[in-house]
Amino acid sequence: RYGQGASARDPRETWPSKDPGYAHTLDDVTDDLHELIQTLAPDRSSRI
């Protein structure tokens, strides 16, 4: 996930609406995961 391992920091960290230290919520993470699957494996995104 963003901010973890070899991935970049979450761009949401700079958003004015975000409290410092709280870059992504559960729904933010879910949104990112869905977008990642659609980007990398669109042909296999309907059976997980």
All heavy atoms as atom14 arrays in JSON, in Angstrom:
{
  "sequence": "RYGQGASARDPRETWPSKDPGYAHTLDDVTDDLHELIQTLAPDRSSRI",
  "atom14_mask": [
    [1, 1, 1, 1, 1, 1, 1, 1, 1, 1, 1, 0, 0, 0],
    [1, 1, 1, 1, 1, 1, 1, 1, 1, 1, 1, 1, 0, 0],
    [1, 1, 1, 1, 0, 0, 0, 0, 0, 0, 0, 0, 0, 0],
    [1, 1, 1, 1, 1, 1, 1, 1, 1, 0, 0, 0, 0, 0],
    [1, 1, 1, 1, 0, 0, 0, 0, 0, 0, 0, 0, 0, 0],
    [1, 1, 1, 1, 1, 0, 0, 0, 0, 0, 0, 0, 0, 0],
    [1, 1, 1, 1, 1, 1, 0, 0, 0, 0, 0, 0, 0, 0],
    [1, 1, 1, 1, 1, 0, 0, 0, 0, 0, 0, 0, 0, 0],
    [1, 1, 1, 1, 1, 1, 1, 1, 1, 1, 1, 0, 0, 0],
    [1, 1, 1, 1, 1, 1, 1, 1, 0, 0, 0, 0, 0, 0],
    [1, 1, 1, 1, 1, 1, 1, 0, 0, 0, 0, 0, 0, 0],
    [1, 1, 1, 1, 1, 1, 1, 1, 1, 1, 1, 0, 0, 0],
    [1, 1, 1, 1, 1, 1, 1, 1, 1, 0, 0, 0, 0, 0],
    [1, 1, 1, 1, 1, 1, 1, 0, 0, 0, 0, 0, 0, 0],
    [1, 1, 1, 1, 1, 1, 1, 1, 1, 1, 1, 1, 1, 1],
    [1, 1, 1, 1, 1, 1, 1, 0, 0, 0, 0, 0, 0, 0],
    [1, 1, 1, 1, 1, 1, 0, 0, 0, 0, 0, 0, 0, 0],
    [1, 1, 1, 1, 1, 1, 1, 1, 1, 0, 0, 0, 0, 0],
    [1, 1, 1, 1, 1, 1, 1, 1, 0, 0, 0, 0, 0, 0],
    [1, 1, 1, 1, 1, 1, 1, 0, 0, 0, 0, 0, 0, 0],
    [1, 1, 1, 1, 0, 0, 0, 0, 0, 0, 0, 0, 0, 0],
    [1, 1, 1, 1, 1, 1, 1, 1, 1, 1, 1, 1, 0, 0],
    [1, 1, 1, 1, 1, 0, 0, 0, 0, 0, 0, 0, 0, 0],
    [1, 1, 1, 1, 1, 1, 1, 1, 1, 1, 0, 0, 0, 0],
    [1, 1, 1, 1, 1, 1, 1, 0, 0, 0, 0, 0, 0, 0],
    [1, 1, 1, 1, 1, 1, 1, 1, 0, 0, 0, 0, 0, 0],
    [1, 1, 1, 1, 1, 1, 1, 1, 0, 0, 0, 0, 0, 0],
    [1, 1, 1, 1, 1, 1, 1, 1, 0, 0, 0, 0, 0, 0],
    [1, 1, 1, 1, 1, 1, 1, 0, 0, 0, 0, 0, 0, 0],
    [1, 1, 1, 1, 1, 1, 1, 0, 0, 0, 0, 0, 0, 0],
    [1, 1, 1, 1, 1, 1, 1, 1, 0, 0, 0, 0, 0, 0],
    [1, 1, 1, 1, 1, 1, 1, 1, 0, 0, 0, 0, 0, 0],
    [1, 1, 1, 1, 1, 1, 1, 1, 0, 0, 0, 0, 0, 0],
    [1, 1, 1, 1, 1, 1, 1, 1, 1, 1, 0, 0, 0, 0],
    [1, 1, 1, 1, 1, 1, 1, 1, 1, 0, 0, 0, 0, 0],
    [1, 1, 1, 1, 1, 1, 1, 1, 0, 0, 0, 0, 0, 0],
    [1, 1, 1, 1, 1, 1, 1, 1, 0, 0, 0, 0, 0, 0],
    [1, 1, 1, 1, 1, 1, 1, 1, 1, 0, 0, 0, 0, 0],
    [1, 1, 1, 1, 1, 1, 1, 0, 0, 0, 0, 0, 0, 0],
    [1, 1, 1, 1, 1, 1, 1, 1, 0, 0, 0, 0, 0, 0],
    [1, 1, 1, 1, 1, 0, 0, 0, 0, 0, 0, 0, 0, 0],
    [1, 1, 1, 1, 1, 1, 1, 0, 0, 0, 0, 0, 0, 0],
    [1, 1, 1, 1, 1, 1, 1, 1, 0, 0, 0, 0, 0, 0],
    [1, 1, 1, 1, 1, 1, 1, 1, 1, 1, 1, 0, 0, 0],
    [1, 1, 1, 1, 1, 1, 0, 0, 0, 0, 0, 0, 0, 0],
    [1, 1, 1, 1, 1, 1, 0, 0, 0, 0, 0, 0, 0, 0],
    [1, 1, 1, 1, 1, 1, 1, 1, 1, 1, 1, 0, 0, 0],
    [1, 1, 1, 1, 1, 1, 1, 1, 0, 0, 0, 0, 0, 0]
  ],
  "atom14_positions": [
    [[0.84, -1.2, 0.0], [0.0, 0.0, 0.0], [0.88, 1.25, 0.0], [2.07, 1.21, 0.32], [-0.92, 0.01, 1.24], [-1.96, -1.1, 1.23], [-2.9, -0.95, 2.43], [-2.2, -1.13, 3.7], [-2.07, -2.28, 4.33], [-2.56, -3.4, 3.81], [-1.43, -2.35, 5.48], [0.0, 0.0, 0.0], [0.0, 0.0, 0.0], [0.0, 0.0, 0.0]],
    [[0.31, 2.39, -0.34], [1.05, 3.64, -0.24], [1.61, 3.8, 1.17], [0.94, 3.51, 2.16], [0.15, 4.83, -0.56], [-0.21, 4.98, -2.02], [-1.54, 5.0, -2.43], [0.78, 5.12, -2.98], [-1.89, 5.14, -3.76], [0.44, 5.26, -4.33], [-0.89, 5.27, -4.7], [-1.22, 5.41, -6.03], [0.0, 0.0, 0.0], [0.0, 0.0, 0.0]],
    [[2.87, 4.22, 1.25], [3.5, 4.41, 2.55], [4.08, 3.15, 3.15], [4.6, 3.18, 4.27], [0.0, 0.0, 0.0], [0.0, 0.0, 0.0], [0.0, 0.0, 0.0], [0.0, 0.0, 0.0], [0.0, 0.0, 0.0], [0.0, 0.0, 0.0], [0.0, 0.0, 0.0], [0.0, 0.0, 0.0], [0.0, 0.0, 0.0], [0.0, 0.0, 0.0]],
    [[4.02, 2.06, 2.42], [4.45, 0.77, 2.94], [5.47, 0.15, 1.98], [5.37, 0.31, 0.76], [3.24, -0.17, 3.07], [3.55, -1.52, 3.69], [2.32, -2.41, 3.73], [1.68, -2.63, 2.72], [2.0, -2.93, 4.91], [0.0, 0.0, 0.0], [0.0, 0.0, 0.0], [0.0, 0.0, 0.0], [0.0, 0.0, 0.0], [0.0, 0.0, 0.0]],
    [[6.46, -0.56, 2.54], [7.39, -1.3, 1.69], [8.07, -0.42, 0.66], [8.63, 0.64, 0.97], [0.0, 0.0, 0.0], [0.0, 0.0, 0.0], [0.0, 0.0, 0.0], [0.0, 0.0, 0.0], [0.0, 0.0, 0.0], [0.0, 0.0, 0.0], [0.0, 0.0, 0.0], [0.0, 0.0, 0.0], [0.0, 0.0, 0.0], [0.0, 0.0, 0.0]],
    [[8.01, -0.85, -0.61], [8.69, -0.15, -1.7], [7.79, 0.85, -2.43], [8.23, 1.44, -3.42], [9.26, -1.17, -2.69], [0.0, 0.0, 0.0], [0.0, 0.0, 0.0], [0.0, 0.0, 0.0], [0.0, 0.0, 0.0], [0.0, 0.0, 0.0], [0.0, 0.0, 0.0], [0.0, 0.0, 0.0], [0.0, 0.0, 0.0], [0.0, 0.0, 0.0]],
    [[6.56, 1.03, -1.97], [5.65, 1.98, -2.63], [5.9, 3.4, -2.15], [6.47, 3.64, -1.08], [4.19, 1.6, -2.36], [3.84, 0.41, -3.05], [0.0, 0.0, 0.0], [0.0, 0.0, 0.0], [0.0, 0.0, 0.0], [0.0, 0.0, 0.0], [0.0, 0.0, 0.0], [0.0, 0.0, 0.0], [0.0, 0.0, 0.0], [0.0, 0.0, 0.0]],
    [[5.46, 4.36, -2.95], [5.6, 5.77, -2.62], [4.68, 6.15, -1.47], [3.76, 5.41, -1.11], [5.28, 6.62, -3.85], [0.0, 0.0, 0.0], [0.0, 0.0, 0.0], [0.0, 0.0, 0.0], [0.0, 0.0, 0.0], [0.0, 0.0, 0.0], [0.0, 0.0, 0.0], [0.0, 0.0, 0.0], [0.0, 0.0, 0.0], [0.0, 0.0, 0.0]],
    [[4.96, 7.3, -0.89], [4.04, 7.85, 0.1], [2.71, 8.19, -0.58], [2.65, 8.43, -1.78], [4.63, 9.12, 0.74], [5.94, 8.94, 1.45], [5.86, 7.97, 2.61], [4.86, 8.35, 3.61], [4.58, 7.63, 4.7], [5.22, 6.48, 4.92], [3.69, 8.03, 5.57], [0.0, 0.0, 0.0], [0.0, 0.0, 0.0], [0.0, 0.0, 0.0]],
    [[1.66, 8.19, 0.2], [0.34, 8.47, -0.34], [0.22, 9.95, -0.68], [0.42, 10.8, 0.2], [-0.74, 8.08, 0.68], [-2.13, 8.01, 0.08], [-2.4, 8.74, -0.89], [-2.95, 7.23, 0.59], [0.0, 0.0, 0.0], [0.0, 0.0, 0.0], [0.0, 0.0, 0.0], [0.0, 0.0, 0.0], [0.0, 0.0, 0.0], [0.0, 0.0, 0.0]],
    [[-0.12, 10.29, -1.94], [-0.3, 11.7, -2.29], [-1.36, 12.4, -1.45], [-1.35, 13.63, -1.34], [-0.72, 11.64, -3.76], [-0.2, 10.33, -4.26], [-0.29, 9.4, -3.09], [0.0, 0.0, 0.0], [0.0, 0.0, 0.0], [0.0, 0.0, 0.0], [0.0, 0.0, 0.0], [0.0, 0.0, 0.0], [0.0, 0.0, 0.0], [0.0, 0.0, 0.0]],
    [[-2.24, 11.62, -0.84], [-3.3, 12.22, -0.02], [-2.71, 12.95, 1.2], [-3.4, 13.76, 1.82], [-4.27, 11.15, 0.48], [-5.07, 10.44, -0.62], [-6.03, 9.44, 0.02], [-6.78, 8.66, -0.95], [-6.39, 7.5, -1.45], [-5.22, 6.98, -1.07], [-7.13, 6.85, -2.32], [0.0, 0.0, 0.0], [0.0, 0.0, 0.0], [0.0, 0.0, 0.0]],
    [[-1.47, 12.61, 1.56], [-0.84, 13.25, 2.72], [-0.81, 14.76, 2.59], [-0.78, 15.48, 3.6], [0.58, 12.71, 2.91], [0.65, 11.3, 3.43], [2.07, 10.82, 3.67], [2.99, 11.27, 2.95], [2.26, 10.0, 4.58], [0.0, 0.0, 0.0], [0.0, 0.0, 0.0], [0.0, 0.0, 0.0], [0.0, 0.0, 0.0], [0.0, 0.0, 0.0]],
    [[-0.79, 15.25, 1.37], [-0.7, 16.69, 1.13], [-2.07, 17.35, 1.02], [-2.15, 18.58, 0.87], [0.1, 16.98, -0.15], [-0.58, 16.43, -1.29], [1.5, 16.37, -0.05], [0.0, 0.0, 0.0], [0.0, 0.0, 0.0], [0.0, 0.0, 0.0], [0.0, 0.0, 0.0], [0.0, 0.0, 0.0], [0.0, 0.0, 0.0], [0.0, 0.0, 0.0]],
    [[-3.12, 16.57, 1.06], [-4.45, 17.14, 0.92], [-4.82, 17.92, 2.18], [-4.63, 17.43, 3.31], [-5.49, 16.04, 0.71], [-5.38, 15.32, -0.61], [-4.39, 15.43, -1.54], [-6.29, 14.34, -1.11], [-4.62, 14.6, -2.6], [-5.79, 13.91, -2.36], [-7.47, 13.78, -0.64], [-6.44, 12.95, -3.14], [-8.12, 12.82, -1.41], [-7.61, 12.42, -2.64]],
    [[-5.35, 19.12, 2.03], [-5.74, 19.92, 3.2], [-6.8, 19.23, 4.08], [-6.86, 19.5, 5.28], [-6.3, 21.2, 2.57], [-5.69, 21.26, 1.2], [-5.55, 19.84, 0.77], [0.0, 0.0, 0.0], [0.0, 0.0, 0.0], [0.0, 0.0, 0.0], [0.0, 0.0, 0.0], [0.0, 0.0, 0.0], [0.0, 0.0, 0.0], [0.0, 0.0, 0.0]],
    [[-7.58, 18.37, 3.47], [-8.66, 17.7, 4.22], [-8.15, 16.57, 5.11], [-8.91, 16.06, 5.95], [-9.7, 17.14, 3.25], [-9.11, 16.19, 2.37], [0.0, 0.0, 0.0], [0.0, 0.0, 0.0], [0.0, 0.0, 0.0], [0.0, 0.0, 0.0], [0.0, 0.0, 0.0], [0.0, 0.0, 0.0], [0.0, 0.0, 0.0], [0.0, 0.0, 0.0]],
    [[-6.9, 16.18, 4.96], [-6.36, 15.07, 5.73], [-5.62, 15.58, 6.97], [-4.81, 16.5, 6.89], [-5.39, 14.24, 4.87], [-6.06, 13.47, 3.74], [-6.9, 12.32, 4.28], [-7.46, 11.48, 3.15], [-8.29, 10.36, 3.66], [0.0, 0.0, 0.0], [0.0, 0.0, 0.0], [0.0, 0.0, 0.0], [0.0, 0.0, 0.0], [0.0, 0.0, 0.0]],
    [[-5.88, 14.93, 8.11], [-5.14, 15.23, 9.32], [-3.71, 14.69, 9.18], [-3.51, 13.61, 8.61], [-5.8, 14.58, 10.53], [-7.19, 15.14, 10.82], [-7.42, 16.31, 10.47], [-8.02, 14.39, 11.38], [0.0, 0.0, 0.0], [0.0, 0.0, 0.0], [0.0, 0.0, 0.0], [0.0, 0.0, 0.0], [0.0, 0.0, 0.0], [0.0, 0.0, 0.0]],
    [[-2.72, 15.39, 9.68], [-1.33, 14.91, 9.6], [-1.18, 13.51, 10.21], [-1.66, 13.25, 11.31], [-0.54, 15.95, 10.4], [-1.37, 17.19, 10.32], [-2.8, 16.73, 10.32], [0.0, 0.0, 0.0], [0.0, 0.0, 0.0], [0.0, 0.0, 0.0], [0.0, 0.0, 0.0], [0.0, 0.0, 0.0], [0.0, 0.0, 0.0], [0.0, 0.0, 0.0]],
    [[-0.54, 12.62, 9.45], [-0.33, 11.26, 9.93], [-1.44, 10.28, 9.58], [-1.31, 9.09, 9.85], [0.0, 0.0, 0.0], [0.0, 0.0, 0.0], [0.0, 0.0, 0.0], [0.0, 0.0, 0.0], [0.0, 0.0, 0.0], [0.0, 0.0, 0.0], [0.0, 0.0, 0.0], [0.0, 0.0, 0.0], [0.0, 0.0, 0.0], [0.0, 0.0, 0.0]],
    [[-2.5, 10.78, 8.99], [-3.63, 9.93, 8.62], [-3.88, 10.05, 7.12], [-4.83, 10.71, 6.68], [-4.89, 10.32, 9.39], [-4.75, 10.21, 10.9], [-4.62, 11.34, 11.68], [-4.76, 8.97, 11.52], [-4.5, 11.25, 13.07], [-4.64, 8.87, 12.91], [-4.51, 10.0, 13.67], [-4.39, 9.91, 15.04], [0.0, 0.0, 0.0], [0.0, 0.0, 0.0]],
    [[-3.03, 9.4, 6.33], [-3.05, 9.58, 4.88], [-4.25, 8.92, 4.2], [-4.86, 9.5, 3.3], [-1.76, 9.06, 4.26], [0.0, 0.0, 0.0], [0.0, 0.0, 0.0], [0.0, 0.0, 0.0], [0.0, 0.0, 0.0], [0.0, 0.0, 0.0], [0.0, 0.0, 0.0], [0.0, 0.0, 0.0], [0.0, 0.0, 0.0], [0.0, 0.0, 0.0]],
    [[-4.56, 7.69, 4.61], [-5.66, 6.99, 3.92], [-6.53, 6.2, 4.89], [-6.06, 5.57, 5.83], [-5.14, 6.06, 2.81], [-3.92, 5.27, 3.15], [-2.7, 5.48, 2.55], [-3.72, 4.24, 4.03], [-1.82, 4.61, 3.03], [-2.41, 3.86, 3.94], [0.0, 0.0, 0.0], [0.0, 0.0, 0.0], [0.0, 0.0, 0.0], [0.0, 0.0, 0.0]],
    [[-7.82, 6.26, 4.63], [-8.81, 5.53, 5.4], [-9.01, 4.14, 4.81], [-8.45, 3.8, 3.76], [-10.15, 6.27, 5.38], [-10.64, 6.28, 4.02], [-10.02, 7.7, 5.88], [0.0, 0.0, 0.0], [0.0, 0.0, 0.0], [0.0, 0.0, 0.0], [0.0, 0.0, 0.0], [0.0, 0.0, 0.0], [0.0, 0.0, 0.0], [0.0, 0.0, 0.0]],
    [[-9.85, 3.35, 5.44], [-10.17, 2.02, 4.92], [-10.77, 2.12, 3.52], [-10.42, 1.34, 2.63], [-11.14, 1.31, 5.87], [-11.62, -0.07, 5.44], [-10.46, -1.04, 5.25], [-12.62, -0.63, 6.45], [0.0, 0.0, 0.0], [0.0, 0.0, 0.0], [0.0, 0.0, 0.0], [0.0, 0.0, 0.0], [0.0, 0.0, 0.0], [0.0, 0.0, 0.0]],
    [[-11.65, 3.08, 3.31], [-12.25, 3.22, 1.98], [-11.25, 3.74, 0.96], [-11.32, 3.37, -0.22], [-13.49, 4.13, 2.05], [-14.73, 3.38, 2.5], [-14.81, 2.16, 2.25], [-15.62, 4.0, 3.1], [0.0, 0.0, 0.0], [0.0, 0.0, 0.0], [0.0, 0.0, 0.0], [0.0, 0.0, 0.0], [0.0, 0.0, 0.0], [0.0, 0.0, 0.0]],
    [[-10.33, 4.59, 1.38], [-9.26, 5.03, 0.47], [-8.43, 3.83, 0.01], [-8.12, 3.69, -1.18], [-8.33, 6.03, 1.16], [-8.98, 7.37, 1.45], [-9.93, 7.74, 0.74], [-8.52, 8.05, 2.4], [0.0, 0.0, 0.0], [0.0, 0.0, 0.0], [0.0, 0.0, 0.0], [0.0, 0.0, 0.0], [0.0, 0.0, 0.0], [0.0, 0.0, 0.0]],
    [[-8.07, 2.97, 0.94], [-7.28, 1.78, 0.62], [-8.05, 0.86, -0.32], [-7.5, 0.3, -1.28], [-6.89, 1.03, 1.91], [-6.28, -0.33, 1.58], [-5.91, 1.86, 2.73], [0.0, 0.0, 0.0], [0.0, 0.0, 0.0], [0.0, 0.0, 0.0], [0.0, 0.0, 0.0], [0.0, 0.0, 0.0], [0.0, 0.0, 0.0], [0.0, 0.0, 0.0]],
    [[-9.35, 0.72, -0.06], [-10.19, -0.11, -0.92], [-10.27, 0.47, -2.32], [-10.2, -0.27, -3.32], [-11.6, -0.24, -0.31], [-11.49, -0.73, 1.03], [-12.46, -1.19, -1.11], [0.0, 0.0, 0.0], [0.0, 0.0, 0.0], [0.0, 0.0, 0.0], [0.0, 0.0, 0.0], [0.0, 0.0, 0.0], [0.0, 0.0, 0.0], [0.0, 0.0, 0.0]],
    [[-10.41, 1.78, -2.41], [-10.43, 2.44, -3.73], [-9.13, 2.2, -4.49], [-9.14, 1.88, -5.69], [-10.64, 3.95, -3.57], [-12.04, 4.32, -3.08], [-12.95, 3.49, -3.21], [-12.2, 5.44, -2.56], [0.0, 0.0, 0.0], [0.0, 0.0, 0.0], [0.0, 0.0, 0.0], [0.0, 0.0, 0.0], [0.0, 0.0, 0.0], [0.0, 0.0, 0.0]],
    [[-8.01, 2.36, -3.8], [-6.71, 2.15, -4.44], [-6.55, 0.71, -4.92], [-6.03, 0.46, -6.01], [-5.57, 2.49, -3.47], [-5.49, 3.97, -3.15], [-6.03, 4.79, -3.91], [-4.87, 4.31, -2.1], [0.0, 0.0, 0.0], [0.0, 0.0, 0.0], [0.0, 0.0, 0.0], [0.0, 0.0, 0.0], [0.0, 0.0, 0.0], [0.0, 0.0, 0.0]],
    [[-6.98, -0.24, -4.1], [-6.87, -1.64, -4.47], [-7.7, -1.94, -5.71], [-7.24, -2.63, -6.64], [-7.32, -2.52, -3.3], [-7.39, -4.03, -3.58], [-6.04, -4.58, -4.04], [-7.88, -4.78, -2.34], [0.0, 0.0, 0.0], [0.0, 0.0, 0.0], [0.0, 0.0, 0.0], [0.0, 0.0, 0.0], [0.0, 0.0, 0.0], [0.0, 0.0, 0.0]],
    [[-8.9, -1.42, -5.75], [-9.76, -1.64, -6.91], [-9.12, -1.07, -8.18], [-9.11, -1.72, -9.24], [-11.13, -0.99, -6.67], [-12.12, -1.26, -7.77], [-12.61, -2.5, -8.04], [-12.7, -0.42, -8.67], [-13.46, -2.44, -9.05], [-13.52, -1.18, -9.45], [0.0, 0.0, 0.0], [0.0, 0.0, 0.0], [0.0, 0.0, 0.0], [0.0, 0.0, 0.0]],
    [[-8.57, 0.11, -8.06], [-7.92, 0.75, -9.21], [-6.67, -0.04, -9.63], [-6.39, -0.17, -10.83], [-7.57, 2.19, -8.86], [-7.16, 3.02, -10.07], [-6.97, 4.5, -9.72], [-7.13, 4.88, -8.54], [-6.66, 5.27, -10.64], [0.0, 0.0, 0.0], [0.0, 0.0, 0.0], [0.0, 0.0, 0.0], [0.0, 0.0, 0.0], [0.0, 0.0, 0.0]],
    [[-5.94, -0.56, -8.65], [-4.75, -1.34, -8.96], [-5.11, -2.61, -9.72], [-4.46, -2.95, -10.73], [-4.03, -1.7, -7.66], [-2.77, -2.56, -7.79], [-1.65, -1.78, -8.47], [-2.31, -3.07, -6.42], [0.0, 0.0, 0.0], [0.0, 0.0, 0.0], [0.0, 0.0, 0.0], [0.0, 0.0, 0.0], [0.0, 0.0, 0.0], [0.0, 0.0, 0.0]],
    [[-6.13, -3.3, -9.28], [-6.56, -4.54, -9.95], [-7.03, -4.24, -11.37], [-6.69, -4.96, -12.32], [-7.66, -5.23, -9.13], [-7.08, -5.76, -7.81], [-8.29, -6.37, -9.92], [-8.13, -6.28, -6.83], [0.0, 0.0, 0.0], [0.0, 0.0, 0.0], [0.0, 0.0, 0.0], [0.0, 0.0, 0.0], [0.0, 0.0, 0.0], [0.0, 0.0, 0.0]],
    [[-7.8, -3.17, -11.51], [-8.29, -2.8, -12.84], [-7.14, -2.42, -13.76], [-7.2, -2.64, -14.98], [-9.28, -1.64, -12.73], [-10.57, -1.96, -11.99], [-11.41, -2.99, -12.72], [-11.42, -3.06, -13.94], [-12.13, -3.82, -11.96], [0.0, 0.0, 0.0], [0.0, 0.0, 0.0], [0.0, 0.0, 0.0], [0.0, 0.0, 0.0], [0.0, 0.0, 0.0]],
    [[-6.07, -1.86, -13.21], [-4.93, -1.44, -14.0], [-4.05, -2.62, -14.41], [-3.6, -2.7, -15.56], [-4.09, -0.42, -13.21], [-4.89, 0.72, -12.89], [-2.87, 0.04, -14.01], [0.0, 0.0, 0.0], [0.0, 0.0, 0.0], [0.0, 0.0, 0.0], [0.0, 0.0, 0.0], [0.0, 0.0, 0.0], [0.0, 0.0, 0.0], [0.0, 0.0, 0.0]],
    [[-3.8, -3.52, -13.47], [-2.86, -4.62, -13.72], [-3.49, -5.87, -14.31], [-2.84, -6.59, -15.08], [-2.16, -5.0, -12.41], [-1.18, -3.99, -11.82], [-0.67, -4.48, -10.47], [-0.01, -3.76, -12.76], [0.0, 0.0, 0.0], [0.0, 0.0, 0.0], [0.0, 0.0, 0.0], [0.0, 0.0, 0.0], [0.0, 0.0, 0.0], [0.0, 0.0, 0.0]],
    [[-4.72, -6.16, -13.92], [-5.33, -7.43, -14.35], [-6.81, -7.25, -14.67], [-7.67, -7.9, -14.06], [-5.15, -8.48, -13.25], [0.0, 0.0, 0.0], [0.0, 0.0, 0.0], [0.0, 0.0, 0.0], [0.0, 0.0, 0.0], [0.0, 0.0, 0.0], [0.0, 0.0, 0.0], [0.0, 0.0, 0.0], [0.0, 0.0, 0.0], [0.0, 0.0, 0.0]],
    [[-7.13, -6.37, -15.62], [-8.55, -6.11, -15.91], [-9.31, -7.35, -16.36], [-10.51, -7.46, -16.11], [-8.49, -5.05, -17.02], [-7.12, -5.21, -17.63], [-6.24, -5.61, -16.5], [0.0, 0.0, 0.0], [0.0, 0.0, 0.0], [0.0, 0.0, 0.0], [0.0, 0.0, 0.0], [0.0, 0.0, 0.0], [0.0, 0.0, 0.0], [0.0, 0.0, 0.0]],
    [[-8.62, -8.3, -17.0], [-9.29, -9.51, -17.47], [-9.57, -10.5, -16.35], [-10.27, -11.5, -16.57], [-8.44, -10.19, -18.55], [-8.29, -9.34, -19.81], [-9.15, -8.47, -20.03], [-7.32, -9.56, -20.56], [0.0, 0.0, 0.0], [0.0, 0.0, 0.0], [0.0, 0.0, 0.0], [0.0, 0.0, 0.0], [0.0, 0.0, 0.0], [0.0, 0.0, 0.0]],
    [[-9.01, -10.23, -15.18], [-9.21, -11.13, -14.04], [-9.71, -10.36, -12.81], [-9.44, -10.73, -11.68], [-7.91, -11.87, -13.72], [-7.52, -12.85, -14.83], [-6.17, -13.49, -14.65], [-5.96, -14.45, -15.73], [-5.5, -14.13, -16.94], [-5.2, -12.86, -17.21], [-5.36, -15.06, -17.87], [0.0, 0.0, 0.0], [0.0, 0.0, 0.0], [0.0, 0.0, 0.0]],
    [[-10.43, -9.3, -13.07], [-10.91, -8.43, -11.99], [-12.3, -8.79, -11.49], [-12.79, -8.18, -10.54], [-10.91, -6.97, -12.45], [-11.78, -6.8, -13.56], [0.0, 0.0, 0.0], [0.0, 0.0, 0.0], [0.0, 0.0, 0.0], [0.0, 0.0, 0.0], [0.0, 0.0, 0.0], [0.0, 0.0, 0.0], [0.0, 0.0, 0.0], [0.0, 0.0, 0.0]],
    [[-12.93, -9.79, -12.11], [-14.3, -10.14, -11.72], [-14.38, -11.41, -10.89], [-15.45, -11.81, -10.46], [-15.18, -10.3, -12.97], [-14.72, -11.38, -13.77], [0.0, 0.0, 0.0], [0.0, 0.0, 0.0], [0.0, 0.0, 0.0], [0.0, 0.0, 0.0], [0.0, 0.0, 0.0], [0.0, 0.0, 0.0], [0.0, 0.0, 0.0], [0.0, 0.0, 0.0]],
    [[-13.21, -12.05, -10.67], [-13.16, -13.26, -9.83], [-11.92, -13.15, -8.95], [-10.79, -13.3, -9.42], [-13.1, -14.53, -10.67], [-14.3, -14.77, -11.57], [-14.24, -16.18, -12.16], [-14.31, -17.19, -11.1], [-13.57, -18.31, -11.1], [-12.68, -18.54, -12.03], [-13.71, -19.19, -10.1], [0.0, 0.0, 0.0], [0.0, 0.0, 0.0], [0.0, 0.0, 0.0]],
    [[-12.13, -12.89, -7.67], [-11.02, -12.61, -6.75], [-11.09, -13.51, -5.53], [-12.17, -13.77, -4.98], [-11.03, -11.14, -6.33], [-10.71, -10.23, -7.53], [-10.05, -10.87, -5.19], [-10.85, -8.76, -7.25], [0.0, 0.0, 0.0], [0.0, 0.0, 0.0], [0.0, 0.0, 0.0], [0.0, 0.0, 0.0], [0.0, 0.0, 0.0], [0.0, 0.0, 0.0]]
  ]
}
